[in-house]
């Protein structure tokens, strides 16, 4: 029996119902159950494998009078009367149109359960050269070809997929961090993280600005008073966030201190993470 080959032809699978009912930005998106999922460099791609099946048939177009089929080992077509070109028999041909189903199952792509899981798949059957004969010693031979078809992940809003190709996958919008969910999904979040720093101006001594002192544990803002003595501030502030010390301790204004987040450098994290749907590429 010949081995069936896998043909990744980049055929587009169009999902008409891309968004799950009740799915939210916080939930993210995920490949449908049963689909193959790949996440590389922040890009999620979902695909399913389809099997195209064409049955053995006689006659072949090039031997139109070889209408008798012989099912024994490899199917043969034989002439009813006069052989052509001295051929007593020729290998059987393939039916013109394939039956298409999910690989590894008997469910055709038109099955309601398939449509419910993956949407309506716009499938272009592979060329004749992609099919391999499966010899059946009891019944007619079959010719099969496998094909990879890409589908949209569940949870994607339908308008976001229009004009895009699922084989390119989805990724998070610029500025959003990607979190891989169980190796099959993607969630996009925007958490504001700012390095801990200090106000430049020290009102107690304008000639001695505040400077950051990095240390294991909580970083400090340090300066000197008018007499030259060391002064320690009560708290650091998030830099590049429009925040000044006069606003008060950031921990009381929606910020959380992450001590020694990077080596001995503290960071302030803004409460209230925002989420967004991935975008089609």
Protein backbone atom coordinates (compact mmCIF):
# COMPACT_ATOMS: atom_id res chain seq x y z
CA UNK A 1 0.00 0.00 0.00
CA UNK A 2 1.39 3.40 -0.95
CA UNK A 3 1.99 6.01 1.68
CA UNK A 4 -0.24 9.07 1.75
CA UNK A 5 1.63 12.38 1.62
CA UNK A 6 0.76 15.64 3.32
CA UNK A 7 0.30 18.64 1.04
CA UNK A 8 0.44 22.04 2.76
CA UNK A 9 -0.92 24.13 -0.08
CA UNK A 10 -1.79 27.23 1.87
CA UNK A 11 -5.48 26.90 1.07
CA UNK A 12 -7.63 29.41 2.91
CA UNK A 13 -10.25 28.25 5.38
CA UNK A 14 -12.90 30.93 5.78
CA UNK A 15 -14.63 31.01 9.13
CA UNK A 16 -18.01 32.70 8.95
CA UNK A 17 -18.56 32.61 12.71
CA UNK A 18 -15.18 33.67 14.04
CA UNK A 19 -16.31 35.14 17.35
CA UNK A 20 -17.59 32.97 20.18
CA UNK A 21 -20.76 34.12 21.83
CA UNK A 22 -19.81 35.60 25.18
CA UNK A 23 -16.09 35.79 24.38
CA UNK A 24 -14.38 38.92 25.71
CA UNK A 25 -11.09 40.72 25.22
CA UNK A 26 -9.94 39.41 28.59
CA UNK A 27 -10.65 35.82 27.46
CA UNK A 28 -8.43 36.20 24.41
CA UNK A 29 -8.72 33.90 21.40
CA UNK A 30 -7.89 30.21 20.94
CA UNK A 31 -7.72 27.64 18.18
CA UNK A 32 -10.87 25.50 17.95
CA UNK A 33 -10.80 22.13 19.70
CA UNK A 34 -9.30 19.55 17.35
CA UNK A 35 -7.39 22.12 15.29
CA UNK A 36 -3.60 22.31 15.28
CA UNK A 37 -2.20 25.38 17.01
CA UNK A 38 1.20 27.03 16.52
CA UNK A 39 2.46 30.14 18.33
CA UNK A 40 5.73 31.58 17.08
CA UNK A 41 7.11 35.04 17.83
CA UNK A 42 3.74 36.19 19.13
CA UNK A 43 1.78 34.98 16.08
CA UNK A 44 -0.97 32.39 16.55
CA UNK A 45 -1.97 30.18 13.61
CA UNK A 46 -4.75 27.58 13.61
CA UNK A 47 -5.13 24.86 11.01
CA UNK A 48 -6.99 21.63 10.30
CA UNK A 49 -6.06 18.75 8.03
CA UNK A 50 -8.47 17.64 5.37
CA UNK A 51 -8.50 14.36 3.50
CA UNK A 52 -9.71 14.33 -0.10
CA UNK A 53 -10.88 10.92 -1.32
CA UNK A 54 -11.49 9.88 -4.94
CA UNK A 55 -12.56 6.35 -5.80
CA UNK A 56 -11.09 4.06 -8.42
CA UNK A 57 -13.04 4.15 -11.70
CA UNK A 58 -13.11 2.79 -15.25
CA UNK A 59 -12.76 3.88 -18.00
CA UNK A 60 -9.91 6.36 -18.06
CA UNK A 61 -10.15 9.24 -20.49
CA UNK A 62 -7.21 7.96 -22.52
CA UNK A 63 -8.70 4.44 -22.72
CA UNK A 64 -12.42 5.16 -23.19
CA UNK A 65 -13.43 1.62 -24.13
CA UNK A 66 -11.73 0.01 -21.09
CA UNK A 67 -14.97 -0.01 -19.12
CA UNK A 68 -14.59 -3.26 -17.20
CA UNK A 69 -12.96 -2.91 -13.77
CA UNK A 70 -11.07 -5.77 -12.17
CA UNK A 71 -10.68 -5.52 -8.38
CA UNK A 72 -7.60 -7.55 -7.61
CA UNK A 73 -4.47 -6.06 -6.08
CA UNK A 74 -4.16 -2.79 -7.97
CA UNK A 75 -7.47 -2.13 -9.79
CA UNK A 76 -7.32 -2.66 -13.54
CA UNK A 77 -9.47 -1.45 -16.43
CA UNK A 78 -10.08 -3.94 -19.25
CA UNK A 79 -11.63 -3.51 -22.69
CA UNK A 80 -15.01 -4.99 -23.48
CA UNK A 81 -13.97 -5.89 -27.05
CA UNK A 82 -10.84 -4.66 -28.83
CA UNK A 83 -7.78 -3.57 -26.80
CA UNK A 84 -6.06 -0.28 -27.66
CA UNK A 85 -2.37 -0.06 -28.42
CA UNK A 86 -1.92 -3.70 -27.51
CA UNK A 87 -2.76 -3.13 -23.83
CA UNK A 88 -4.73 -5.99 -22.24
CA UNK A 89 -5.40 -3.78 -19.19
CA UNK A 90 -4.46 -0.44 -17.69
CA UNK A 91 -4.44 0.91 -14.15
CA UNK A 92 -7.77 2.37 -13.10
CA UNK A 93 -8.36 6.12 -12.96
CA UNK A 94 -9.93 8.45 -10.35
CA UNK A 95 -13.45 9.78 -10.03
CA UNK A 96 -13.57 13.44 -11.14
CA UNK A 97 -14.62 15.00 -7.83
CA UNK A 98 -13.35 14.15 -4.35
CA UNK A 99 -15.22 13.66 -1.13
CA UNK A 100 -13.63 15.96 1.47
CA UNK A 101 -13.60 15.21 5.19
CA UNK A 102 -11.58 15.90 8.30
CA UNK A 103 -8.44 13.80 8.35
CA UNK A 104 -8.73 10.95 10.80
CA UNK A 105 -12.52 11.02 10.85
CA UNK A 106 -15.44 10.29 8.58
CA UNK A 107 -17.00 13.70 9.06
CA UNK A 108 -17.34 15.63 5.79
CA UNK A 109 -16.65 19.36 5.80
CA UNK A 110 -20.40 19.90 5.28
CA UNK A 111 -21.21 18.12 8.55
CA UNK A 112 -22.97 20.54 10.96
CA UNK A 113 -20.54 19.64 13.75
CA UNK A 114 -17.59 20.55 11.53
CA UNK A 115 -19.18 23.84 10.51
CA UNK A 116 -19.96 24.59 14.15
CA UNK A 117 -16.34 23.96 15.18
CA UNK A 118 -14.41 25.51 12.28
CA UNK A 119 -16.88 27.52 10.22
CA UNK A 120 -17.61 27.10 6.51
CA UNK A 121 -14.33 26.07 4.87
CA UNK A 122 -13.66 27.47 1.40
CA UNK A 123 -11.66 24.55 0.06
CA UNK A 124 -9.86 24.32 -3.28
CA UNK A 125 -9.12 20.60 -3.91
CA UNK A 126 -5.47 19.76 -4.59
CA UNK A 127 -4.27 18.88 -8.12
CA UNK A 128 -4.41 15.33 -9.46
CA UNK A 129 -0.67 14.92 -8.80
CA UNK A 130 -1.28 15.25 -5.06
CA UNK A 131 -3.34 12.03 -4.84
CA UNK A 132 -1.84 8.69 -3.88
CA UNK A 133 -3.48 5.36 -4.54
CA UNK A 134 -4.58 3.26 -1.56
CA UNK A 135 -4.79 -0.35 -2.77
CA UNK A 136 -7.76 -2.29 -1.43
CA UNK A 137 -7.63 -6.02 -2.11
CA UNK A 138 -11.32 -6.51 -1.32
CA UNK A 139 -13.03 -3.42 -2.72
CA UNK A 140 -12.22 -0.60 -5.09
CA UNK A 141 -8.99 1.31 -4.58
CA UNK A 142 -9.09 4.85 -3.26
CA UNK A 143 -6.97 7.88 -4.07
CA UNK A 144 -6.29 10.23 -1.16
CA UNK A 145 -4.58 13.57 -0.62
CA UNK A 146 -4.13 15.44 2.64
CA UNK A 147 -4.34 19.20 2.77
CA UNK A 148 -3.68 21.81 5.45
CA UNK A 149 -6.38 24.49 5.72
CA UNK A 150 -6.03 27.50 8.01
CA UNK A 151 -8.93 28.74 10.13
CA UNK A 152 -9.50 31.72 12.40
CA UNK A 153 -9.19 31.23 16.15
CA UNK A 154 -12.40 31.28 18.13
CA UNK A 155 -13.10 34.60 19.79
CA UNK A 156 -11.94 36.75 16.88
CA UNK A 157 -14.54 39.41 15.96
CA UNK A 158 -15.77 38.73 12.43
CA UNK A 159 -15.20 42.31 11.15
CA UNK A 160 -11.54 42.03 12.18
CA UNK A 161 -11.02 39.09 9.81
CA UNK A 162 -12.53 40.63 6.66
CA UNK A 163 -9.93 41.09 3.96
CA UNK A 164 -7.33 39.01 5.76
CA UNK A 165 -6.04 35.47 5.29
CA UNK A 166 -6.03 33.10 8.30
CA UNK A 167 -2.84 31.45 7.09
CA UNK A 168 -1.02 34.63 8.22
CA UNK A 169 -2.32 34.17 11.77
CA UNK A 170 -3.18 36.76 14.40
CA UNK A 171 -1.04 38.80 16.80
CA UNK A 172 -1.46 41.45 19.47
CA UNK A 173 -1.81 45.12 18.49
CA UNK A 174 1.25 47.36 18.89
CA UNK A 175 1.88 48.25 22.52
CA UNK A 176 0.12 45.18 23.90
CA UNK A 177 1.86 42.23 25.54
CA UNK A 178 1.03 38.75 24.27
CA UNK A 179 0.26 35.94 26.70
CA UNK A 180 0.11 32.40 25.29
CA UNK A 181 -2.83 30.45 26.72
CA UNK A 182 -2.25 26.68 27.08
CA UNK A 183 -0.22 26.67 23.87
CA UNK A 184 -3.43 27.19 21.87
CA UNK A 185 -4.51 30.76 22.46
CA UNK A 186 -3.44 34.36 22.75
CA UNK A 187 -4.43 37.16 25.10
CA UNK A 188 -3.39 40.78 24.58
CA UNK A 189 -2.93 43.02 27.59
CA UNK A 190 -1.53 46.49 28.14
CA UNK A 191 0.01 46.82 31.57
CA UNK A 192 1.62 50.19 32.26
CA UNK A 193 5.03 49.57 33.85
CA UNK A 194 7.32 52.48 34.69
CA UNK A 195 10.77 52.55 36.27
CA UNK A 196 10.87 54.02 39.75
CA UNK A 197 12.47 57.46 39.87
CA UNK A 198 12.39 60.78 41.67
CA UNK A 199 11.32 64.38 41.19
CA UNK A 200 14.13 66.51 39.87
CA UNK A 201 13.46 69.49 42.12
CA UNK A 202 13.85 69.28 45.89
CA UNK A 203 11.83 72.20 47.36
CA UNK A 204 13.80 71.90 50.62
CA UNK A 205 16.99 72.66 48.72
CA UNK A 206 16.68 73.64 45.03
CA UNK A 207 20.46 73.32 44.70
CA UNK A 208 20.32 69.60 45.56
CA UNK A 209 17.89 67.75 43.26
CA UNK A 210 16.48 64.38 44.21
CA UNK A 211 18.45 61.41 42.88
CA UNK A 212 17.54 57.74 42.82
CA UNK A 213 19.50 55.35 44.98
CA UNK A 214 19.23 51.77 43.69
CA UNK A 215 19.47 49.17 46.40
CA UNK A 216 18.38 45.65 47.22
CA UNK A 217 14.87 46.06 48.48
CA UNK A 218 13.05 49.36 48.10
CA UNK A 219 14.87 52.06 46.14
CA UNK A 220 15.17 55.52 47.70
CA UNK A 221 15.04 59.14 46.61
CA UNK A 222 17.89 60.98 48.32
CA UNK A 223 19.01 64.63 48.52
CA UNK A 224 20.55 67.12 50.93
CA UNK A 225 18.95 69.85 52.99
CA UNK A 226 20.24 73.41 53.22
CA UNK A 227 22.76 72.39 55.87
CA UNK A 228 24.17 69.56 53.75
CA UNK A 229 22.62 66.68 55.66
CA UNK A 230 21.35 63.64 53.79
CA UNK A 231 17.60 63.64 53.25
CA UNK A 232 15.58 60.53 52.30
CA UNK A 233 12.28 60.84 50.49
CA UNK A 234 9.22 58.90 51.58
CA UNK A 235 8.64 57.17 48.23
CA UNK A 236 9.77 56.95 44.63
CA UNK A 237 7.47 57.81 41.71
CA UNK A 238 6.80 56.24 38.27
CA UNK A 239 8.87 57.99 35.61
CA UNK A 240 7.56 59.11 32.20
CA UNK A 241 3.98 58.85 33.46
CA UNK A 242 3.18 62.48 34.20
CA UNK A 243 3.41 61.72 37.90
CA UNK A 244 5.01 64.09 40.42
CA UNK A 245 5.75 63.59 44.07
CA UNK A 246 3.22 66.24 45.08
CA UNK A 247 0.49 63.84 44.01
CA UNK A 248 1.33 61.64 46.97
CA UNK A 249 2.50 58.09 47.39
CA UNK A 250 1.79 56.25 44.09
CA UNK A 251 0.69 53.17 46.07
CA UNK A 252 -2.33 55.21 47.20
CA UNK A 253 -3.09 56.40 43.68
CA UNK A 254 -3.49 53.26 41.61
CA UNK A 255 0.12 52.12 41.36
CA UNK A 256 1.81 49.02 42.78
CA UNK A 257 5.54 48.91 43.59
CA UNK A 258 7.42 45.91 42.16
CA UNK A 259 10.61 45.86 44.20
CA UNK A 260 13.77 44.63 42.43
CA UNK A 261 11.80 43.80 39.29
CA UNK A 262 14.98 43.99 37.18
CA UNK A 263 18.09 43.32 39.24
CA UNK A 264 17.94 45.91 42.00
CA UNK A 265 15.75 48.32 39.99
CA UNK A 266 12.21 48.97 41.24
CA UNK A 267 9.25 49.51 38.92
CA UNK A 268 5.77 50.93 39.45
CA UNK A 269 2.88 49.03 37.85
CA UNK A 270 -0.40 50.77 37.07
CA UNK A 271 -3.52 49.02 38.34
CA UNK A 272 -6.30 48.28 35.87
CA UNK A 273 -4.81 46.27 33.00
CA UNK A 274 -6.56 46.87 29.68
CA UNK A 275 -7.20 44.10 27.16
CA UNK A 276 -7.68 44.06 23.39
CA UNK A 277 -8.51 41.48 20.72
CA UNK A 278 -5.63 40.23 18.58
CA UNK A 279 -5.50 41.60 15.04
CA UNK A 280 -5.43 39.63 11.80
CA UNK A 281 -2.13 39.88 9.94
